[in-house]
């Protein structure tokens, strides 16, 4: 497993920007959003933050935002 280096929490939707260090010493980055299901082997710190910050209200707000974006990109 990669070593967790940094977690940044972005905007009101509580998007996680994660930086990890690989076995070769390089950085790897990934993003997690409130609509995602975390892997069972996810870092405990990330699991704890998701449980704390990804409330039902945040998840609903994120879902609404995504629907609005989709509507703008694909008007009927």
PDB file of N, CA and C in Angstrom:
ATOM      1  N   UNK A   1       0.840  -1.180   0.000  1.00  0.00           N
ATOM      2  CA  UNK A   1       0.000   0.000   0.000  1.00  0.00           C
ATOM      3  C   UNK A   1       0.888   1.247   0.000  1.00  0.00           C
ATOM      4  N   UNK A   2       0.444   2.255  -0.704  1.00  0.00           N
ATOM      5  CA  UNK A   2       1.185   3.510  -0.740  1.00  0.00           C
ATOM      6  C   UNK A   2       1.082   4.210   0.611  1.00  0.00           C
ATOM      7  N   UNK A   3       2.096   5.003   0.925  1.00  0.00           N
ATOM      8  CA  UNK A   3       2.106   5.729   2.192  1.00  0.00           C
ATOM      9  C   UNK A   3       1.338   7.042   2.016  1.00  0.00           C
ATOM     10  N   UNK A   4       0.385   7.289   2.887  1.00  0.00           N
ATOM     11  CA  UNK A   4      -0.390   8.521   2.850  1.00  0.00           C
ATOM     12  C   UNK A   4       0.508   9.689   3.223  1.00  0.00           C
ATOM     13  N   UNK A   5       0.534  10.715   2.366  1.00  0.00           N
ATOM     14  CA  UNK A   5       1.385  11.879   2.595  1.00  0.00           C
ATOM     15  C   UNK A   5       0.573  13.114   2.971  1.00  0.00           C
ATOM     16  N   UNK A   6      -0.552  13.337   2.254  1.00  0.00           N
ATOM     17  CA  UNK A   6      -1.309  14.556   2.478  1.00  0.00           C
ATOM     18  C   UNK A   6      -2.752  14.375   2.026  1.00  0.00           C
ATOM     19  N   UNK A   7      -3.679  14.959   2.788  1.00  0.00           N
ATOM     20  CA  UNK A   7      -5.089  15.008   2.394  1.00  0.00           C
ATOM     21  C   UNK A   7      -5.510  16.475   2.419  1.00  0.00           C
ATOM     22  N   UNK A   8      -6.038  16.960   1.313  1.00  0.00           N
ATOM     23  CA  UNK A   8      -6.592  18.305   1.264  1.00  0.00           C
ATOM     24  C   UNK A   8      -8.093  18.173   1.056  1.00  0.00           C
ATOM     25  N   UNK A   9      -8.872  18.966   1.787  1.00  0.00           N
ATOM     26  CA  UNK A   9     -10.323  18.959   1.668  1.00  0.00           C
ATOM     27  C   UNK A   9     -10.709  20.199   0.864  1.00  0.00           C
ATOM     28  N   UNK A  10     -11.391  19.965  -0.258  1.00  0.00           N
ATOM     29  CA  UNK A  10     -11.691  21.051  -1.188  1.00  0.00           C
ATOM     30  C   UNK A  10     -13.173  21.391  -1.173  1.00  0.00           C
ATOM     31  N   UNK A  11     -13.483  22.625  -1.085  1.00  0.00           N
ATOM     32  CA  UNK A  11     -14.774  23.299  -1.170  1.00  0.00           C
ATOM     33  C   UNK A  11     -15.889  22.674  -0.349  1.00  0.00           C
ATOM     34  N   UNK A  12     -17.073  23.191  -0.533  1.00  0.00           N
ATOM     35  CA  UNK A  12     -18.220  22.772   0.287  1.00  0.00           C
ATOM     36  C   UNK A  12     -18.644  21.332   0.044  1.00  0.00           C
ATOM     37  N   UNK A  13     -18.175  20.740  -1.049  1.00  0.00           N
ATOM     38  CA  UNK A  13     -18.534  19.353  -1.360  1.00  0.00           C
ATOM     39  C   UNK A  13     -17.577  18.350  -0.711  1.00  0.00           C
ATOM     40  N   UNK A  14     -16.581  18.843  -0.024  1.00  0.00           N
ATOM     41  CA  UNK A  14     -15.643  18.003   0.731  1.00  0.00           C
ATOM     42  C   UNK A  14     -14.944  16.961  -0.156  1.00  0.00           C
ATOM     43  N   UNK A  15     -14.467  17.438  -1.303  1.00  0.00           N
ATOM     44  CA  UNK A  15     -13.672  16.601  -2.205  1.00  0.00           C
ATOM     45  C   UNK A  15     -12.309  16.382  -1.548  1.00  0.00           C
ATOM     46  N   UNK A  16     -11.829  15.157  -1.563  1.00  0.00           N
ATOM     47  CA  UNK A  16     -10.517  14.850  -0.989  1.00  0.00           C
ATOM     48  C   UNK A  16      -9.491  14.801  -2.111  1.00  0.00           C
ATOM     49  N   UNK A  17      -8.435  15.601  -1.985  1.00  0.00           N
ATOM     50  CA  UNK A  17      -7.272  15.475  -2.860  1.00  0.00           C
ATOM     51  C   UNK A  17      -6.209  14.776  -2.015  1.00  0.00           C
ATOM     52  N   UNK A  18      -5.792  13.626  -2.489  1.00  0.00           N
ATOM     53  CA  UNK A  18      -4.894  12.777  -1.708  1.00  0.00           C
ATOM     54  C   UNK A  18      -3.552  12.649  -2.416  1.00  0.00           C
ATOM     55  N   UNK A  19      -2.502  12.823  -1.642  1.00  0.00           N
ATOM     56  CA  UNK A  19      -1.152  12.595  -2.179  1.00  0.00           C
ATOM     57  C   UNK A  19      -0.534  11.465  -1.378  1.00  0.00           C
ATOM     58  N   UNK A  20      -0.027  10.473  -2.102  1.00  0.00           N
ATOM     59  CA  UNK A  20       0.614   9.314  -1.483  1.00  0.00           C
ATOM     60  C   UNK A  20       2.025   9.175  -2.034  1.00  0.00           C
ATOM     61  N   UNK A  21       2.840   8.434  -1.314  1.00  0.00           N
ATOM     62  CA  UNK A  21       4.207   8.166  -1.754  1.00  0.00           C
ATOM     63  C   UNK A  21       4.285   6.683  -2.120  1.00  0.00           C
ATOM     64  N   UNK A  22       4.747   6.423  -3.326  1.00  0.00           N
ATOM     65  CA  UNK A  22       4.863   5.042  -3.801  1.00  0.00           C
ATOM     66  C   UNK A  22       6.118   4.390  -3.225  1.00  0.00           C
ATOM     67  N   UNK A  23       6.244   3.093  -3.437  1.00  0.00           N
ATOM     68  CA  UNK A  23       7.430   2.362  -2.968  1.00  0.00           C
ATOM     69  C   UNK A  23       8.714   2.905  -3.573  1.00  0.00           C
ATOM     70  N   UNK A  24       8.602   3.495  -4.784  1.00  0.00           N
ATOM     71  CA  UNK A  24       9.791   4.036  -5.448  1.00  0.00           C
ATOM     72  C   UNK A  24      10.093   5.465  -5.005  1.00  0.00           C
ATOM     73  N   UNK A  25       9.281   6.006  -4.072  1.00  0.00           N
ATOM     74  CA  UNK A  25       9.532   7.349  -3.565  1.00  0.00           C
ATOM     75  C   UNK A  25       8.879   8.453  -4.371  1.00  0.00           C
ATOM     76  N   UNK A  26       8.101   8.089  -5.357  1.00  0.00           N
ATOM     77  CA  UNK A  26       7.420   9.102  -6.173  1.00  0.00           C
ATOM     78  C   UNK A  26       6.048   9.406  -5.584  1.00  0.00           C
ATOM     79  N   UNK A  27       5.528  10.570  -5.978  1.00  0.00           N
ATOM     80  CA  UNK A  27       4.199  10.958  -5.526  1.00  0.00           C
ATOM     81  C   UNK A  27       3.133  10.418  -6.472  1.00  0.00           C
ATOM     82  N   UNK A  28       2.038  10.058  -5.889  1.00  0.00           N
ATOM     83  CA  UNK A  28       0.860   9.615  -6.632  1.00  0.00           C
ATOM     84  C   UNK A  28      -0.307  10.434  -6.081  1.00  0.00           C
ATOM     85  N   UNK A  29      -1.171  10.914  -6.966  1.00  0.00           N
ATOM     86  CA  UNK A  29      -2.309  11.720  -6.516  1.00  0.00           C
ATOM     87  C   UNK A  29      -3.611  11.103  -6.986  1.00  0.00           C
ATOM     88  N   UNK A  30      -4.644  11.321  -6.191  1.00  0.00           N
ATOM     89  CA  UNK A  30      -5.983  10.883  -6.581  1.00  0.00           C
ATOM     90  C   UNK A  30      -7.011  11.753  -5.880  1.00  0.00           C
ATOM     91  N   UNK A  31      -8.221  11.696  -6.389  1.00  0.00           N
ATOM     92  CA  UNK A  31      -9.316  12.508  -5.863  1.00  0.00           C
ATOM     93  C   UNK A  31     -10.466  11.584  -5.490  1.00  0.00           C
ATOM     94  N   UNK A  32     -11.084  11.865  -4.348  1.00  0.00           N
ATOM     95  CA  UNK A  32     -12.264  11.135  -3.913  1.00  0.00           C
ATOM     96  C   UNK A  32     -13.395  12.127  -3.697  1.00  0.00           C
ATOM     97  N   UNK A  33     -14.582  11.794  -4.193  1.00  0.00           N
ATOM     98  CA  UNK A  33     -15.744  12.660  -4.023  1.00  0.00           C
ATOM     99  C   UNK A  33     -16.795  11.952  -3.169  1.00  0.00           C
ATOM    100  N   UNK A  34     -17.741  12.723  -2.604  1.00  0.00           N
ATOM    101  CA  UNK A  34     -18.706  12.164  -1.652  1.00  0.00           C
ATOM    102  C   UNK A  34     -19.617  11.068  -2.207  1.00  0.00           C
ATOM    103  N   UNK A  35     -19.689  10.920  -3.506  1.00  0.00           N
ATOM    104  CA  UNK A  35     -20.543   9.877  -4.079  1.00  0.00           C
ATOM    105  C   UNK A  35     -19.805   8.548  -4.244  1.00  0.00           C
ATOM    106  N   UNK A  36     -18.549   8.524  -3.870  1.00  0.00           N
ATOM    107  CA  UNK A  36     -17.746   7.319  -4.052  1.00  0.00           C
ATOM    108  C   UNK A  36     -17.838   6.400  -2.832  1.00  0.00           C
ATOM    109  N   UNK A  37     -17.686   5.124  -3.099  1.00  0.00           N
ATOM    110  CA  UNK A  37     -17.591   4.129  -2.038  1.00  0.00           C
ATOM    111  C   UNK A  37     -16.106   3.838  -1.826  1.00  0.00           C
ATOM    112  N   UNK A  38     -15.660   3.962  -0.607  1.00  0.00           N
ATOM    113  CA  UNK A  38     -14.247   3.745  -0.317  1.00  0.00           C
ATOM    114  C   UNK A  38     -13.920   2.253  -0.325  1.00  0.00           C
ATOM    115  N   UNK A  39     -12.722   1.959  -0.777  1.00  0.00           N
ATOM    116  CA  UNK A  39     -12.246   0.572  -0.773  1.00  0.00           C
ATOM    117  C   UNK A  39     -12.084   0.101   0.672  1.00  0.00           C
ATOM    118  N   UNK A  40     -12.245  -1.183   0.881  1.00  0.00           N
ATOM    119  CA  UNK A  40     -12.111  -1.742   2.228  1.00  0.00           C
ATOM    120  C   UNK A  40     -10.717  -1.532   2.810  1.00  0.00           C
ATOM    121  N   UNK A  41      -9.705  -1.465   1.929  1.00  0.00           N
ATOM    122  CA  UNK A  41      -8.329  -1.290   2.405  1.00  0.00           C
ATOM    123  C   UNK A  41      -7.867   0.173   2.342  1.00  0.00           C
ATOM    124  N   UNK A  42      -8.822   1.093   2.279  1.00  0.00           N
ATOM    125  CA  UNK A  42      -8.486   2.525   2.256  1.00  0.00           C
ATOM    126  C   UNK A  42      -7.786   2.896   3.560  1.00  0.00           C
ATOM    127  N   UNK A  43      -6.915   3.897   3.490  1.00  0.00           N
ATOM    128  CA  UNK A  43      -6.227   4.388   4.684  1.00  0.00           C
ATOM    129  C   UNK A  43      -7.261   4.740   5.756  1.00  0.00           C
ATOM    130  N   UNK A  44      -6.984   4.385   6.994  1.00  0.00           N
ATOM    131  CA  UNK A  44      -7.925   4.642   8.087  1.00  0.00           C
ATOM    132  C   UNK A  44      -8.212   6.127   8.240  1.00  0.00           C
ATOM    133  N   UNK A  45      -7.215   6.968   8.073  1.00  0.00           N
ATOM    134  CA  UNK A  45      -7.417   8.414   8.208  1.00  0.00           C
ATOM    135  C   UNK A  45      -8.426   8.924   7.180  1.00  0.00           C
ATOM    136  N   UNK A  46      -8.362   8.402   5.965  1.00  0.00           N
ATOM    137  CA  UNK A  46      -9.308   8.798   4.925  1.00  0.00           C
ATOM    138  C   UNK A  46     -10.704   8.287   5.261  1.00  0.00           C
ATOM    139  N   UNK A  47     -10.798   7.054   5.736  1.00  0.00           N
ATOM    140  CA  UNK A  47     -12.098   6.515   6.145  1.00  0.00           C
ATOM    141  C   UNK A  47     -12.724   7.371   7.252  1.00  0.00           C
ATOM    142  N   UNK A  48     -11.910   7.760   8.206  1.00  0.00           N
ATOM    143  CA  UNK A  48     -12.410   8.565   9.323  1.00  0.00           C
ATOM    144  C   UNK A  48     -12.893   9.940   8.853  1.00  0.00           C
ATOM    145  N   UNK A  49     -12.121  10.579   7.978  1.00  0.00           N
ATOM    146  CA  UNK A  49     -12.514  11.889   7.464  1.00  0.00           C
ATOM    147  C   UNK A  49     -13.781  11.795   6.629  1.00  0.00           C
ATOM    148  N   UNK A  50     -13.900  10.756   5.823  1.00  0.00           N
ATOM    149  CA  UNK A  50     -15.098  10.575   4.995  1.00  0.00           C
ATOM    150  C   UNK A  50     -16.324  10.394   5.887  1.00  0.00           C
ATOM    151  N   UNK A  51     -16.186   9.594   6.930  1.00  0.00           N
ATOM    152  CA  UNK A  51     -17.312   9.372   7.838  1.00  0.00           C
ATOM    153  C   UNK A  51     -17.724  10.675   8.516  1.00  0.00           C
ATOM    154  N   UNK A  52     -16.749  11.488   8.865  1.00  0.00           N
ATOM    155  CA  UNK A  52     -17.019  12.762   9.542  1.00  0.00           C
ATOM    156  C   UNK A  52     -17.596  13.816   8.594  1.00  0.00           C
ATOM    157  N   UNK A  53     -17.002  13.947   7.414  1.00  0.00           N
ATOM    158  CA  UNK A  53     -17.328  15.072   6.535  1.00  0.00           C
ATOM    159  C   UNK A  53     -18.372  14.786   5.467  1.00  0.00           C
ATOM    160  N   UNK A  54     -18.478  13.546   5.022  1.00  0.00           N
ATOM    161  CA  UNK A  54     -19.435  13.228   3.961  1.00  0.00           C
ATOM    162  C   UNK A  54     -20.801  12.927   4.563  1.00  0.00           C
ATOM    163  N   UNK A  55     -21.411  13.965   5.096  1.00  0.00           N
ATOM    164  CA  UNK A  55     -22.738  13.846   5.692  1.00  0.00           C
ATOM    165  C   UNK A  55     -23.777  13.652   4.584  1.00  0.00           C
ATOM    166  N   UNK A  56     -24.981  13.283   4.970  1.00  0.00           N
ATOM    167  CA  UNK A  56     -26.064  13.139   3.988  1.00  0.00           C
ATOM    168  C   UNK A  56     -26.305  14.463   3.270  1.00  0.00           C
ATOM    169  N   UNK A  57     -26.177  15.570   3.989  1.00  0.00           N
ATOM    170  CA  UNK A  57     -26.363  16.897   3.397  1.00  0.00           C
ATOM    171  C   UNK A  57     -25.304  17.180   2.333  1.00  0.00           C
ATOM    172  N   UNK A  58     -24.060  16.869   2.635  1.00  0.00           N
ATOM    173  CA  UNK A  58     -22.971  17.072   1.668  1.00  0.00           C
ATOM    174  C   UNK A  58     -23.176  16.174   0.452  1.00  0.00           C
ATOM    175  N   UNK A  59     -23.542  14.926   0.669  1.00  0.00           N
ATOM    176  CA  UNK A  59     -23.770  14.000  -0.442  1.00  0.00           C
ATOM    177  C   UNK A  59     -24.910  14.472  -1.336  1.00  0.00           C
ATOM    178  N   UNK A  60     -26.007  14.961  -0.732  1.00  0.00           N
ATOM    179  CA  UNK A  60     -27.144  15.459  -1.509  1.00  0.00           C
ATOM    180  C   UNK A  60     -26.761  16.705  -2.297  1.00  0.00           C
ATOM    181  N   UNK A  61     -26.005  17.576  -1.684  1.00  0.00           N
ATOM    182  CA  UNK A  61     -25.554  18.797  -2.357  1.00  0.00           C
ATOM    183  C   UNK A  61     -24.652  18.459  -3.538  1.00  0.00           C
ATOM    184  N   UNK A  62     -23.747  17.506  -3.359  1.00  0.00           N
ATOM    185  CA  UNK A  62     -22.853  17.064  -4.426  1.00  0.00           C
ATOM    186  C   UNK A  62     -23.655  16.447  -5.579  1.00  0.00           C
ATOM    187  N   UNK A  63     -24.632  15.626  -5.248  1.00  0.00           N
ATOM    188  CA  UNK A  63     -25.467  14.985  -6.261  1.00  0.00           C
ATOM    189  C   UNK A  63     -26.242  16.036  -7.061  1.00  0.00           C
ATOM    190  N   UNK A  64     -26.783  17.031  -6.372  1.00  0.00           N
ATOM    191  CA  UNK A  64     -27.507  18.123  -7.043  1.00  0.00           C
ATOM    192  C   UNK A  64     -26.564  18.898  -7.966  1.00  0.00           C
ATOM    193  N   UNK A  65     -25.374  19.208  -7.490  1.00  0.00           N
ATOM    194  CA  UNK A  65     -24.388  19.916  -8.305  1.00  0.00           C
ATOM    195  C   UNK A  65     -24.053  19.125  -9.568  1.00  0.00           C
ATOM    196  N   UNK A  66     -23.850  17.816  -9.420  1.00  0.00           N
ATOM    197  CA  UNK A  66     -23.533  16.992 -10.583  1.00  0.00           C
ATOM    198  C   UNK A  66     -24.680  16.992 -11.590  1.00  0.00           C
ATOM    199  N   UNK A  67     -25.911  16.917 -11.110  1.00  0.00           N
ATOM    200  CA  UNK A  67     -27.081  16.925 -11.994  1.00  0.00           C
ATOM    201  C   UNK A  67     -27.175  18.251 -12.739  1.00  0.00           C
ATOM    202  N   UNK A  68     -26.897  19.349 -12.051  1.00  0.00           N
ATOM    203  CA  UNK A  68     -26.917  20.674 -12.694  1.00  0.00           C
ATOM    204  C   UNK A  68     -25.834  20.770 -13.767  1.00  0.00           C
ATOM    205  N   UNK A  69     -24.666  20.243 -13.475  1.00  0.00           N
ATOM    206  CA  UNK A  69     -23.574  20.265 -14.451  1.00  0.00           C
ATOM    207  C   UNK A  69     -23.928  19.423 -15.677  1.00  0.00           C
ATOM    208  N   UNK A  70     -24.505  18.270 -15.445  1.00  0.00           N
ATOM    209  CA  UNK A  70     -24.917  17.398 -16.546  1.00  0.00           C
ATOM    210  C   UNK A  70     -25.959  18.073 -17.425  1.00  0.00           C
ATOM    211  N   UNK A  71     -26.891  18.792 -16.793  1.00  0.00           N
ATOM    212  CA  UNK A  71     -27.939  19.482 -17.536  1.00  0.00           C
ATOM    213  C   UNK A  71     -27.337  20.593 -18.413  1.00  0.00           C
ATOM    214  N   UNK A  72     -26.341  21.289 -17.895  1.00  0.00           N
ATOM    215  CA  UNK A  72     -25.681  22.345 -18.665  1.00  0.00           C
ATOM    216  C   UNK A  72     -24.906  21.763 -19.850  1.00  0.00           C
ATOM    217  N   UNK A  73     -24.298  20.619 -19.644  1.00  0.00           N
ATOM    218  CA  UNK A  73     -23.511  19.992 -20.714  1.00  0.00           C
ATOM    219  C   UNK A  73     -24.384  19.319 -21.759  1.00  0.00           C
ATOM    220  N   UNK A  74     -25.532  18.829 -21.336  1.00  0.00           N
ATOM    221  CA  UNK A  74     -26.429  18.099 -22.237  1.00  0.00           C
ATOM    222  C   UNK A  74     -27.861  18.638 -22.124  1.00  0.00           C
ATOM    223  N   UNK A  75     -28.068  19.871 -22.612  1.00  0.00           N
ATOM    224  CA  UNK A  75     -29.433  20.419 -22.509  1.00  0.00           C
ATOM    225  C   UNK A  75     -30.407  19.592 -23.344  1.00  0.00           C
ATOM    226  N   UNK A  76     -31.633  19.512 -22.882  1.00  0.00           N
ATOM    227  CA  UNK A  76     -32.635  18.693 -23.581  1.00  0.00           C
ATOM    228  C   UNK A  76     -33.198  19.400 -24.776  1.00  0.00           C
TER     229      UNK A  76
END
